[in-house]
């Protein structure tokens, strides 16, 4: 399962903990808010590219993912961000 491998790798690199079932995200649409939150946080805390995250999270092409981030970032209050 590509997504679970990606999530495990991201958790290892960032010292994150998953508090939900990752399988739930696999069946979600490319622009699902949960996926966009993961990408946003990966962009802030790692050097993973949009191409890599788009591919690993099954979100289409990097330009699509890039178009989702500004709207997400505007909607987020400061402070802790919940991924799921």
N, C-alpha and C. Protein backbone atom coordinates (compact mmCIF):
# COMPACT_ATOMS: atom_id res chain seq x y z
N UNK A 1 0.83 -1.18 0.00
CA UNK A 1 0.00 0.00 0.00
C UNK A 1 0.88 1.24 0.00
N UNK A 2 0.88 1.92 -1.09
CA UNK A 2 1.74 3.07 -1.28
C UNK A 2 1.46 4.18 -0.26
N UNK A 3 0.19 4.47 -0.01
CA UNK A 3 -0.15 5.56 0.91
C UNK A 3 0.36 5.27 2.32
N UNK A 4 0.14 4.06 2.80
CA UNK A 4 0.57 3.72 4.16
C UNK A 4 2.08 3.78 4.29
N UNK A 5 2.79 3.37 3.25
CA UNK A 5 4.25 3.47 3.27
C UNK A 5 4.67 4.94 3.34
N UNK A 6 3.98 5.78 2.58
CA UNK A 6 4.27 7.22 2.57
C UNK A 6 4.01 7.83 3.94
N UNK A 7 2.88 7.49 4.52
CA UNK A 7 2.53 8.02 5.83
C UNK A 7 3.54 7.58 6.88
N UNK A 8 3.94 6.33 6.83
CA UNK A 8 4.93 5.83 7.78
C UNK A 8 6.26 6.56 7.61
N UNK A 9 6.66 6.79 6.37
CA UNK A 9 7.90 7.50 6.10
C UNK A 9 7.83 8.94 6.61
N UNK A 10 6.71 9.60 6.37
CA UNK A 10 6.54 10.98 6.84
C UNK A 10 6.55 11.04 8.36
N UNK A 11 5.89 10.10 9.00
CA UNK A 11 5.86 10.07 10.47
C UNK A 11 7.25 9.87 11.04
N UNK A 12 8.01 9.02 10.40
CA UNK A 12 9.37 8.75 10.86
C UNK A 12 10.24 10.00 10.73
N UNK A 13 10.10 10.71 9.61
CA UNK A 13 10.94 11.88 9.38
C UNK A 13 10.54 13.08 10.23
N UNK A 14 9.29 13.16 10.63
CA UNK A 14 8.80 14.35 11.34
C UNK A 14 8.45 14.09 12.79
N UNK A 15 8.55 12.84 13.22
CA UNK A 15 8.19 12.46 14.58
C UNK A 15 6.69 12.68 14.84
N UNK A 16 5.88 12.52 13.79
CA UNK A 16 4.43 12.62 13.94
C UNK A 16 3.89 11.33 14.53
N UNK A 17 2.68 11.40 15.05
CA UNK A 17 1.96 10.21 15.48
C UNK A 17 0.60 10.22 14.79
N UNK A 18 0.18 9.08 14.30
CA UNK A 18 -1.11 8.97 13.62
C UNK A 18 -2.14 8.51 14.63
N UNK A 19 -3.23 9.24 14.70
CA UNK A 19 -4.29 8.92 15.64
C UNK A 19 -5.59 8.56 14.93
N UNK A 20 -5.46 8.09 13.71
CA UNK A 20 -6.64 7.69 12.93
C UNK A 20 -6.22 6.58 11.99
N UNK A 21 -7.17 5.94 11.37
CA UNK A 21 -6.87 4.89 10.42
C UNK A 21 -6.52 5.50 9.07
N UNK A 22 -5.30 5.26 8.62
CA UNK A 22 -4.83 5.83 7.36
C UNK A 22 -5.61 5.26 6.16
N UNK A 23 -6.11 4.04 6.30
CA UNK A 23 -6.84 3.44 5.20
C UNK A 23 -8.04 4.29 4.80
N UNK A 24 -8.56 5.04 5.74
CA UNK A 24 -9.71 5.90 5.48
C UNK A 24 -9.41 6.91 4.38
N UNK A 25 -8.17 7.38 4.29
CA UNK A 25 -7.81 8.38 3.30
C UNK A 25 -7.66 7.82 1.90
N UNK A 26 -7.35 6.55 1.77
CA UNK A 26 -7.10 5.98 0.46
C UNK A 26 -8.30 6.10 -0.47
N UNK A 27 -9.49 5.96 0.05
CA UNK A 27 -10.67 6.02 -0.79
C UNK A 27 -11.22 7.42 -1.01
N UNK A 28 -10.57 8.41 -0.45
CA UNK A 28 -11.07 9.78 -0.57
C UNK A 28 -10.63 10.42 -1.88
N UNK A 29 -11.34 11.47 -2.26
CA UNK A 29 -11.04 12.15 -3.52
C UNK A 29 -9.69 12.84 -3.44
N UNK A 30 -9.17 13.21 -4.61
CA UNK A 30 -7.84 13.82 -4.68
C UNK A 30 -7.73 15.09 -3.85
N UNK A 31 -8.78 15.88 -3.79
CA UNK A 31 -8.72 17.16 -3.08
C UNK A 31 -9.34 17.11 -1.68
N UNK A 32 -9.42 15.93 -1.12
CA UNK A 32 -10.00 15.78 0.23
C UNK A 32 -9.25 16.66 1.22
N UNK A 33 -9.97 17.36 2.08
CA UNK A 33 -9.33 18.26 3.04
C UNK A 33 -8.26 17.58 3.89
N UNK A 34 -8.48 16.33 4.24
CA UNK A 34 -7.49 15.62 5.07
C UNK A 34 -6.17 15.47 4.31
N UNK A 35 -6.25 15.17 3.02
CA UNK A 35 -5.04 15.03 2.22
C UNK A 35 -4.34 16.38 2.07
N UNK A 36 -5.12 17.43 1.87
CA UNK A 36 -4.54 18.76 1.71
C UNK A 36 -3.83 19.19 3.00
N UNK A 37 -4.40 18.87 4.15
CA UNK A 37 -3.74 19.18 5.42
C UNK A 37 -2.41 18.45 5.56
N UNK A 38 -2.37 17.21 5.12
CA UNK A 38 -1.13 16.45 5.18
C UNK A 38 -0.08 17.10 4.28
N UNK A 39 -0.47 17.46 3.06
CA UNK A 39 0.47 18.09 2.14
C UNK A 39 0.97 19.41 2.71
N UNK A 40 0.07 20.20 3.25
CA UNK A 40 0.45 21.49 3.81
C UNK A 40 1.49 21.33 4.91
N UNK A 41 1.26 20.40 5.77
CA UNK A 41 2.20 20.19 6.87
C UNK A 41 3.53 19.61 6.37
N UNK A 42 3.46 18.69 5.41
CA UNK A 42 4.69 18.16 4.84
C UNK A 42 5.52 19.27 4.21
N UNK A 43 4.86 20.20 3.54
CA UNK A 43 5.56 21.31 2.90
C UNK A 43 6.24 22.21 3.94
N UNK A 44 5.58 22.42 5.07
CA UNK A 44 6.14 23.26 6.11
C UNK A 44 7.29 22.59 6.85
N UNK A 45 7.19 21.29 7.06
CA UNK A 45 8.11 20.62 7.98
C UNK A 45 9.14 19.70 7.32
N UNK A 46 9.03 19.50 6.01
CA UNK A 46 9.98 18.62 5.33
C UNK A 46 10.40 19.26 4.01
N UNK A 47 11.24 18.57 3.30
CA UNK A 47 11.68 19.02 1.97
C UNK A 47 11.04 18.20 0.87
N UNK A 48 9.99 17.49 1.17
CA UNK A 48 9.32 16.66 0.17
C UNK A 48 8.66 17.57 -0.86
N UNK A 49 8.81 17.23 -2.13
CA UNK A 49 8.29 18.07 -3.20
C UNK A 49 6.80 17.85 -3.41
N UNK A 50 6.18 18.79 -4.12
CA UNK A 50 4.77 18.62 -4.46
C UNK A 50 4.58 17.41 -5.37
N UNK A 51 5.53 17.18 -6.25
CA UNK A 51 5.44 16.01 -7.14
C UNK A 51 5.41 14.73 -6.33
N UNK A 52 6.29 14.66 -5.32
CA UNK A 52 6.37 13.47 -4.48
C UNK A 52 5.08 13.27 -3.69
N UNK A 53 4.60 14.35 -3.05
CA UNK A 53 3.40 14.22 -2.23
C UNK A 53 2.17 13.94 -3.08
N UNK A 54 2.06 14.57 -4.24
CA UNK A 54 0.92 14.33 -5.12
C UNK A 54 0.88 12.86 -5.54
N UNK A 55 2.04 12.34 -5.88
CA UNK A 55 2.12 10.94 -6.29
C UNK A 55 1.83 10.00 -5.13
N UNK A 56 2.46 10.21 -4.01
CA UNK A 56 2.33 9.29 -2.89
C UNK A 56 0.96 9.32 -2.23
N UNK A 57 0.28 10.47 -2.28
CA UNK A 57 -1.05 10.58 -1.66
C UNK A 57 -2.16 10.40 -2.69
N UNK A 58 -1.79 10.05 -3.93
CA UNK A 58 -2.77 9.83 -5.00
C UNK A 58 -3.67 11.05 -5.17
N UNK A 59 -3.02 12.20 -5.39
CA UNK A 59 -3.75 13.46 -5.50
C UNK A 59 -3.68 14.06 -6.90
N UNK A 60 -3.26 13.31 -7.87
CA UNK A 60 -3.16 13.86 -9.22
C UNK A 60 -1.79 14.47 -9.44
N UNK A 61 -1.76 15.56 -10.21
CA UNK A 61 -0.50 16.19 -10.55
C UNK A 61 -0.14 17.28 -9.54
N UNK A 62 1.13 17.63 -9.51
CA UNK A 62 1.63 18.60 -8.53
C UNK A 62 0.96 19.97 -8.68
N UNK A 63 0.65 20.37 -9.91
CA UNK A 63 0.02 21.68 -10.09
C UNK A 63 -1.37 21.72 -9.47
N UNK A 64 -2.07 20.59 -9.49
CA UNK A 64 -3.38 20.52 -8.83
C UNK A 64 -3.22 20.67 -7.32
N UNK A 65 -2.26 19.98 -6.77
CA UNK A 65 -2.01 20.07 -5.33
C UNK A 65 -1.61 21.50 -4.96
N UNK A 66 -0.76 22.11 -5.76
CA UNK A 66 -0.32 23.49 -5.51
C UNK A 66 -1.52 24.45 -5.51
N UNK A 67 -2.50 24.19 -6.36
CA UNK A 67 -3.67 25.08 -6.42
C UNK A 67 -4.56 24.94 -5.18
N UNK A 68 -4.47 23.82 -4.47
CA UNK A 68 -5.28 23.59 -3.28
C UNK A 68 -4.68 24.25 -2.03
N UNK A 69 -3.39 24.44 -2.00
CA UNK A 69 -2.72 24.91 -0.79
C UNK A 69 -3.05 26.34 -0.38
N UNK A 70 -3.10 27.31 -1.28
CA UNK A 70 -3.41 28.68 -0.83
C UNK A 70 -4.75 28.80 -0.12
N UNK A 71 -5.76 28.15 -0.64
CA UNK A 71 -7.08 28.19 -0.01
C UNK A 71 -7.03 27.53 1.37
N UNK A 72 -6.34 26.41 1.46
CA UNK A 72 -6.21 25.72 2.74
C UNK A 72 -5.49 26.60 3.76
N UNK A 73 -4.40 27.21 3.34
CA UNK A 73 -3.61 28.03 4.26
C UNK A 73 -4.37 29.25 4.74
N UNK A 74 -5.25 29.80 3.92
CA UNK A 74 -6.08 30.94 4.33
C UNK A 74 -7.10 30.53 5.39
N UNK A 75 -7.58 29.31 5.32
CA UNK A 75 -8.64 28.84 6.21
C UNK A 75 -8.11 28.36 7.55
N UNK A 76 -6.82 28.13 7.68
CA UNK A 76 -6.26 27.55 8.90
C UNK A 76 -5.97 28.61 9.95
N UNK A 77 -6.52 28.44 11.15
CA UNK A 77 -6.14 29.33 12.25
C UNK A 77 -4.73 28.99 12.71
N UNK A 78 -4.08 29.93 13.37
CA UNK A 78 -2.74 29.62 13.87
C UNK A 78 -2.82 28.62 15.01
N UNK A 79 -1.71 27.93 15.21
CA UNK A 79 -1.66 26.95 16.29
C UNK A 79 -1.58 25.53 15.75
N UNK A 80 -1.90 24.61 16.60
CA UNK A 80 -1.82 23.18 16.25
C UNK A 80 -2.77 22.85 15.13
N UNK A 81 -2.31 21.99 14.25
CA UNK A 81 -3.11 21.55 13.12
C UNK A 81 -3.36 20.05 13.26
N UNK A 82 -4.61 19.67 13.17
CA UNK A 82 -4.97 18.25 13.22
C UNK A 82 -5.01 17.73 11.80
N UNK A 83 -4.35 16.61 11.55
CA UNK A 83 -4.31 16.07 10.20
C UNK A 83 -5.59 15.35 9.82
N UNK A 84 -6.24 14.72 10.77
CA UNK A 84 -7.43 13.93 10.42
C UNK A 84 -8.65 14.45 11.12
